[in-house]
Structures are given as structure tokens and as C-alpha cells.
Amino acid sequence: MIDKIDVLKRVQSLKNKIKELEASQERRKQDVQKKRDLIEEEKALAERKQEEKVAVQKDIDRKELDLKTNEGEITKYNVQLNSIKTNKEYSALITEIGSKKADMSILEDEILDTMSRLEIANQGLEKATENLKNEEQSLKDLINCVDAEVKETDAEIEKIKGEQNKYIDLLDEHSLNSYNRLSNIKGGKSIVPVVGNVCGGCSMNITTQTLNELMGSKDLVFCRSCSRILYLDENSD
């Protein structure tokens, strides 16, 4: 005659093993999702760096256009100088030319400064693009690795389920129903040992009657406090 407790302990152990494997699979899938989230952040950063580069380049283009415009106006003013007849007009035009040259000097300095900013923006974009490329390759490698691990774990789970079913087939309907009901409620601790007259599930003292039932009955014995299935620990005094 089979020992129902030993069979139930084995069923519980196998079920807990399956849960551990499924939890491991879920953690690995979460690793993939975290990597995907990181890549989205890297993409957003690369896009910001690209926008920054474009903005700086537009600033340079605008300043260079202003510089050319000033150069054209100075050329025009120099031509006009040859046709001016009064000193007042001549002085006014010279002053305007001087003002335009001063503006050009400021623009030239600003263009040099903005070009430095453009170089920094380019470096930032290159770094962000390279990081994104590396992270995308890392994601591909991770997905391949996780897919292989999940496939291997699926096979292991199916093997354990097959072994678990062999033990389940040894149980009578009442024992199996009791186990399933408690397993749904108590999770991985539906069958617990009694150690030192204490329930291994709720840590409450068991009654003398319950202890006698454990020692003399072949039926399942339940904790009066937490309703878990009890068994005597072999190492218990």
C-alpha cells in the first residue's frame, strides 16, 4: 500500500520545482523587456542628440547667411562711396560700414563658438548612436539566449509534469482533491511537517488528539489552525 503522505510530498515538491522554473523563465523574459526599455531610452537620447545637432547647424547656417548679407552690404556701400558728393554723406556711410564690420566680427566669433558646439553635438550623437547599436546587438544576443533557455526549461517542465502525473495517478480522489484545494489556497506549503508538536505551516501547537491521529491513522490529518495536511517529521523527537 502506498504511503499517501510520501506521494503528496513528492507531488508538492515537483509542483514547487515547476513554479521555480516558471518563475525563472519569467525573470528572464523580464530581462529582455528591461533591455527593450533601455533601448527605447537610448533611441530617445540619440534622437535628442540628432535634434541638437540639427539645431546647432541651423544656427551656424543662419549666422553665415547674416555674415554674407553684411559682406554684400559692405561691398554695396564701398561702391556708393565713389559717388558720394558731400562729407556728411561720406562720413555717415563710413560709419555704417564700420558698424557692419563690427557686426561681422561678432558673427565670426559666434560662428566659431557655434562650430565648437556642433563638434560637441556630433560627438554626442556618435556616442549615442554607437551605444544604441551596441544595445541593439546585445538585445539580439539576449533574446537568442533567453529563447534557448525558455525552450530548454519548457522541456524540463514537461518532464517534471510527466513525473508528477505518475504520482498523482497513485492517489485516491479524496487525497488528491484535498491536496488541490489546499494547494490553491496555501501555495507551496499545503503539506507540512510537525516538529516539536508545532505545525510547520502556521507554527501553532498541535493538539494531543491530532498527534495521536498522526501516529495511528492512515488517513490524512489536518492542522486545526491552518487546515494544512500534516505529517510527522522523521527527525522529530
Protein backbone atom coordinates (compact mmCIF):
# COMPACT_ATOMS: atom_id res chain seq x y z
CA MET A 1 0.00 0.00 0.00
CA ILE A 2 1.36 3.36 -0.94
CA ASP A 3 2.13 6.00 1.66
CA LYS A 4 -0.18 8.86 0.67
CA ILE A 5 1.89 11.42 2.55
CA ASP A 6 5.08 10.44 0.76
CA VAL A 7 3.29 10.66 -2.57
CA LEU A 8 1.75 14.05 -1.71
CA LYS A 9 5.11 15.36 -0.53
CA ARG A 10 6.58 14.33 -3.86
CA VAL A 11 3.73 15.92 -5.81
CA GLN A 12 4.18 19.14 -3.84
CA SER A 13 7.94 19.09 -4.35
CA LEU A 14 7.54 18.64 -8.09
CA LYS A 15 4.91 21.37 -8.27
CA ASN A 16 7.21 23.75 -6.41
CA LYS A 17 10.00 22.86 -8.81
CA ILE A 18 7.74 23.72 -11.73
CA LYS A 19 6.89 27.05 -10.11
CA GLU A 20 10.57 27.81 -9.63
CA LEU A 21 11.30 27.05 -13.27
CA GLU A 22 8.35 29.13 -14.47
CA ALA A 23 9.46 31.99 -12.20
CA SER A 24 12.95 31.71 -13.67
CA GLN A 25 11.51 31.91 -17.17
CA GLU A 26 9.50 34.98 -16.23
CA ARG A 27 12.58 36.69 -14.79
CA ARG A 28 14.49 36.04 -18.00
CA LYS A 29 11.61 37.42 -20.06
CA GLN A 30 11.64 40.47 -17.81
CA ASP A 31 15.37 40.83 -18.53
CA VAL A 32 14.51 41.05 -22.22
CA GLN A 33 11.82 43.65 -21.55
CA LYS A 34 14.21 45.70 -19.42
CA LYS A 35 16.72 45.61 -22.27
CA ARG A 36 13.99 46.74 -24.68
CA ASP A 37 13.09 49.59 -22.33
CA LEU A 38 16.75 50.58 -22.13
CA ILE A 39 16.98 50.61 -25.92
CA GLU A 40 13.95 52.88 -26.12
CA GLU A 41 15.75 55.27 -23.78
CA GLU A 42 18.88 55.06 -25.95
CA LYS A 43 16.78 55.75 -29.05
CA ALA A 44 15.22 58.78 -27.40
CA LEU A 45 18.67 60.02 -26.41
CA ALA A 46 20.01 59.55 -29.95
CA GLU A 47 17.00 61.44 -31.33
CA ARG A 48 17.62 64.30 -28.90
CA LYS A 49 21.28 64.38 -29.91
CA GLN A 50 20.26 64.47 -33.58
CA GLU A 51 17.83 67.31 -32.91
CA GLU A 52 20.54 69.15 -31.00
CA LYS A 53 22.97 68.76 -33.90
CA VAL A 54 20.37 69.97 -36.42
CA ALA A 55 19.55 72.99 -34.25
CA VAL A 56 23.22 73.96 -33.92
CA GLN A 57 23.78 73.50 -37.66
CA LYS A 58 20.77 75.73 -38.40
CA ASP A 59 22.21 78.34 -36.06
CA ILE A 60 25.52 78.23 -37.97
CA ASP A 61 23.72 78.47 -41.31
CA ARG A 62 21.74 81.48 -40.11
CA LYS A 63 24.84 83.26 -38.81
CA GLU A 64 26.77 82.52 -42.02
CA LEU A 65 23.86 83.91 -44.04
CA ASP A 66 23.88 87.05 -41.90
CA LEU A 67 27.63 87.29 -42.44
CA LYS A 68 27.26 87.06 -46.21
CA THR A 69 24.48 89.61 -46.10
CA ASN A 70 26.73 92.02 -44.23
CA GLU A 71 29.56 91.35 -46.66
CA GLY A 72 27.23 92.16 -49.55
CA GLU A 73 26.07 95.38 -47.90
CA ILE A 74 29.66 96.46 -47.23
CA THR A 75 30.52 95.83 -50.88
CA LYS A 76 27.50 97.90 -51.91
CA TYR A 77 28.49 100.70 -49.52
CA ASN A 78 32.05 100.73 -50.89
CA VAL A 79 30.66 101.20 -54.38
CA GLN A 80 28.44 104.02 -53.14
CA LEU A 81 31.44 105.78 -51.62
CA ASN A 82 32.69 106.59 -55.13
CA SER A 83 29.54 108.51 -55.95
CA ILE A 84 29.02 110.42 -52.70
CA LYS A 85 29.41 114.20 -53.08
CA THR A 86 29.23 115.53 -49.50
CA ASN A 87 31.44 114.87 -46.49
CA LYS A 88 28.37 114.32 -44.34
CA GLU A 89 27.09 111.52 -46.54
CA TYR A 90 30.60 110.11 -46.80
CA SER A 91 31.05 110.08 -43.00
CA ALA A 92 27.63 108.51 -42.49
CA LEU A 93 28.42 105.75 -44.94
CA ILE A 94 31.84 105.12 -43.40
CA THR A 95 30.16 104.84 -40.02
CA GLU A 96 27.65 102.33 -41.42
CA ILE A 97 30.46 100.31 -42.98
CA GLY A 98 32.30 100.30 -39.65
CA SER A 99 29.12 99.14 -37.88
CA LYS A 100 28.64 96.33 -40.39
CA LYS A 101 32.26 95.23 -39.98
CA ALA A 102 31.80 95.20 -36.20
CA ASP A 103 28.68 93.06 -36.65
CA MET A 104 30.64 90.73 -38.92
CA SER A 105 33.41 90.39 -36.33
CA ILE A 106 30.85 89.42 -33.70
CA LEU A 107 29.20 86.97 -36.11
CA GLU A 108 32.54 85.38 -36.96
CA ASP A 109 33.27 84.84 -33.26
CA GLU A 110 29.77 83.44 -32.74
CA ILE A 111 30.20 81.11 -35.74
CA LEU A 112 33.47 79.78 -34.34
CA ASP A 113 31.83 79.24 -30.96
CA THR A 114 28.82 77.55 -32.56
CA MET A 115 31.09 75.31 -34.63
CA SER A 116 32.66 74.15 -31.36
CA ARG A 117 29.17 73.37 -30.11
CA LEU A 118 28.49 71.50 -33.36
CA GLU A 119 31.59 69.37 -32.84
CA ILE A 120 30.45 68.53 -29.32
CA ALA A 121 26.94 67.75 -30.64
CA ASN A 122 28.44 65.47 -33.31
CA GLN A 123 30.49 63.64 -30.71
CA GLY A 124 27.42 63.22 -28.51
CA LEU A 125 25.39 61.90 -31.45
CA GLU A 126 28.14 59.48 -32.48
CA LYS A 127 28.41 58.17 -28.93
CA ALA A 128 24.63 57.82 -28.56
CA THR A 129 24.39 56.08 -31.95
CA GLU A 130 27.19 53.68 -31.07
CA ASN A 131 25.63 52.90 -27.68
CA LEU A 132 22.29 52.26 -29.36
CA LYS A 133 23.92 49.95 -31.91
CA ASN A 134 25.68 48.00 -29.13
CA GLU A 135 22.50 47.74 -27.05
CA GLU A 136 20.50 46.51 -30.05
CA GLN A 137 23.09 43.82 -30.70
CA SER A 138 23.07 42.98 -27.01
CA LEU A 139 19.28 42.62 -27.17
CA LYS A 140 19.54 40.22 -30.12
CA ASP A 141 22.07 38.13 -28.23
CA LEU A 142 19.93 38.18 -25.09
CA ILE A 143 16.79 37.16 -26.99
CA ASN A 144 18.61 34.24 -28.59
CA CYS A 145 19.95 33.18 -25.20
CA VAL A 146 16.60 33.53 -23.42
CA ASP A 147 14.74 31.74 -26.22
CA ALA A 148 17.13 28.81 -25.88
CA GLU A 149 16.79 28.82 -22.08
CA VAL A 150 12.98 29.00 -22.24
CA LYS A 151 12.88 26.13 -24.73
CA GLU A 152 15.14 24.04 -22.51
CA THR A 153 13.11 24.92 -19.41
CA ASP A 154 9.85 24.11 -21.18
CA ALA A 155 11.20 20.65 -21.90
CA GLU A 156 12.27 20.25 -18.27
CA ILE A 157 8.86 21.40 -17.04
CA GLU A 158 7.09 18.91 -19.30
CA LYS A 159 9.33 16.16 -17.99
CA ILE A 160 8.56 17.11 -14.38
CA LYS A 161 4.83 17.31 -15.14
CA GLY A 162 5.01 13.80 -16.57
CA GLU A 163 6.70 12.58 -13.40
CA GLN A 164 4.18 14.49 -11.28
CA ASN A 165 1.27 12.87 -13.11
CA LYS A 166 2.67 9.42 -12.31
CA TYR A 167 2.48 10.24 -8.60
CA ILE A 168 -0.94 11.87 -8.96
CA ASP A 169 -2.24 8.65 -10.50
CA LEU A 170 -1.29 6.83 -7.29
CA LEU A 171 -3.60 8.99 -5.16
CA ASP A 172 -7.21 8.36 -4.30
CA GLU A 173 -9.75 11.03 -5.28
CA HIS A 174 -10.21 12.37 -1.71
CA SER A 175 -6.48 12.82 -1.11
CA LEU A 176 -5.96 14.48 -4.47
CA ASN A 177 -8.93 16.83 -4.02
CA SER A 178 -7.74 17.78 -0.55
CA TYR A 179 -4.26 18.49 -1.85
CA ASN A 180 -5.52 20.52 -4.83
CA ARG A 181 -7.83 22.58 -2.65
CA LEU A 182 -5.07 23.39 -0.15
CA SER A 183 -2.52 23.94 -2.89
CA ASN A 184 -4.71 26.63 -4.41
CA ILE A 185 -5.02 28.32 -1.02
CA LYS A 186 -1.67 27.68 0.63
CA GLY A 187 0.57 27.53 -2.43
CA GLY A 188 3.77 25.58 -1.97
CA LYS A 189 3.16 24.75 1.69
CA SER A 190 -0.03 22.72 1.69
CA ILE A 191 1.72 19.68 3.24
CA VAL A 192 3.92 20.49 6.22
CA PRO A 193 5.82 18.58 8.92
CA VAL A 194 5.11 18.60 12.63
CA VAL A 195 8.29 19.39 14.52
CA GLY A 196 8.29 19.51 18.30
CA ASN A 197 4.50 19.37 18.34
CA VAL A 198 4.39 22.53 16.22
CA CYS A 199 2.79 22.85 12.78
CA GLY A 200 5.41 23.64 10.14
CA GLY A 201 2.92 25.85 8.32
CA CYS A 202 1.39 28.15 10.94
CA SER A 203 3.77 27.46 13.88
CA MET A 204 0.84 26.69 16.17
CA ASN A 205 1.00 23.83 18.68
CA ILE A 206 -0.98 20.80 17.63
CA THR A 207 -3.33 19.04 19.98
CA THR A 208 -2.64 15.67 21.58
CA GLN A 209 -5.55 14.25 19.63
CA THR A 210 -4.02 15.45 16.36
CA LEU A 211 -0.67 13.98 17.35
CA ASN A 212 -2.33 10.62 18.14
CA GLU A 213 -4.07 10.68 14.77
CA LEU A 214 -0.76 11.30 13.03
CA MET A 215 0.82 8.35 14.80
CA GLY A 216 -2.06 5.95 14.39
CA SER A 217 -4.19 6.93 11.40
CA LYS A 218 -3.56 6.16 7.77
CA ASP A 219 -5.95 8.92 6.69
CA LEU A 220 -4.87 12.49 6.05
CA VAL A 221 -4.58 14.61 9.19
CA PHE A 222 -5.15 18.34 9.03
CA CYS A 223 -3.90 21.16 11.23
CA ARG A 224 -6.79 22.52 13.29
CA SER A 225 -5.36 26.03 12.98
CA CYS A 226 -4.37 26.42 9.32
CA SER A 227 -6.00 23.32 7.76
CA ARG A 228 -2.77 22.15 6.13
CA ILE A 229 -2.03 18.45 5.71
CA LEU A 230 0.34 17.31 8.46
CA TYR A 231 2.97 14.62 8.70
CA LEU A 232 5.43 13.68 11.42
CA ASP A 233 8.96 14.80 10.78
CA GLU A 234 11.25 11.75 10.79
CA ASN A 235 13.85 13.70 12.78
CA SER A 236 11.30 14.92 15.33
CA ASP A 237 11.66 13.60 18.89
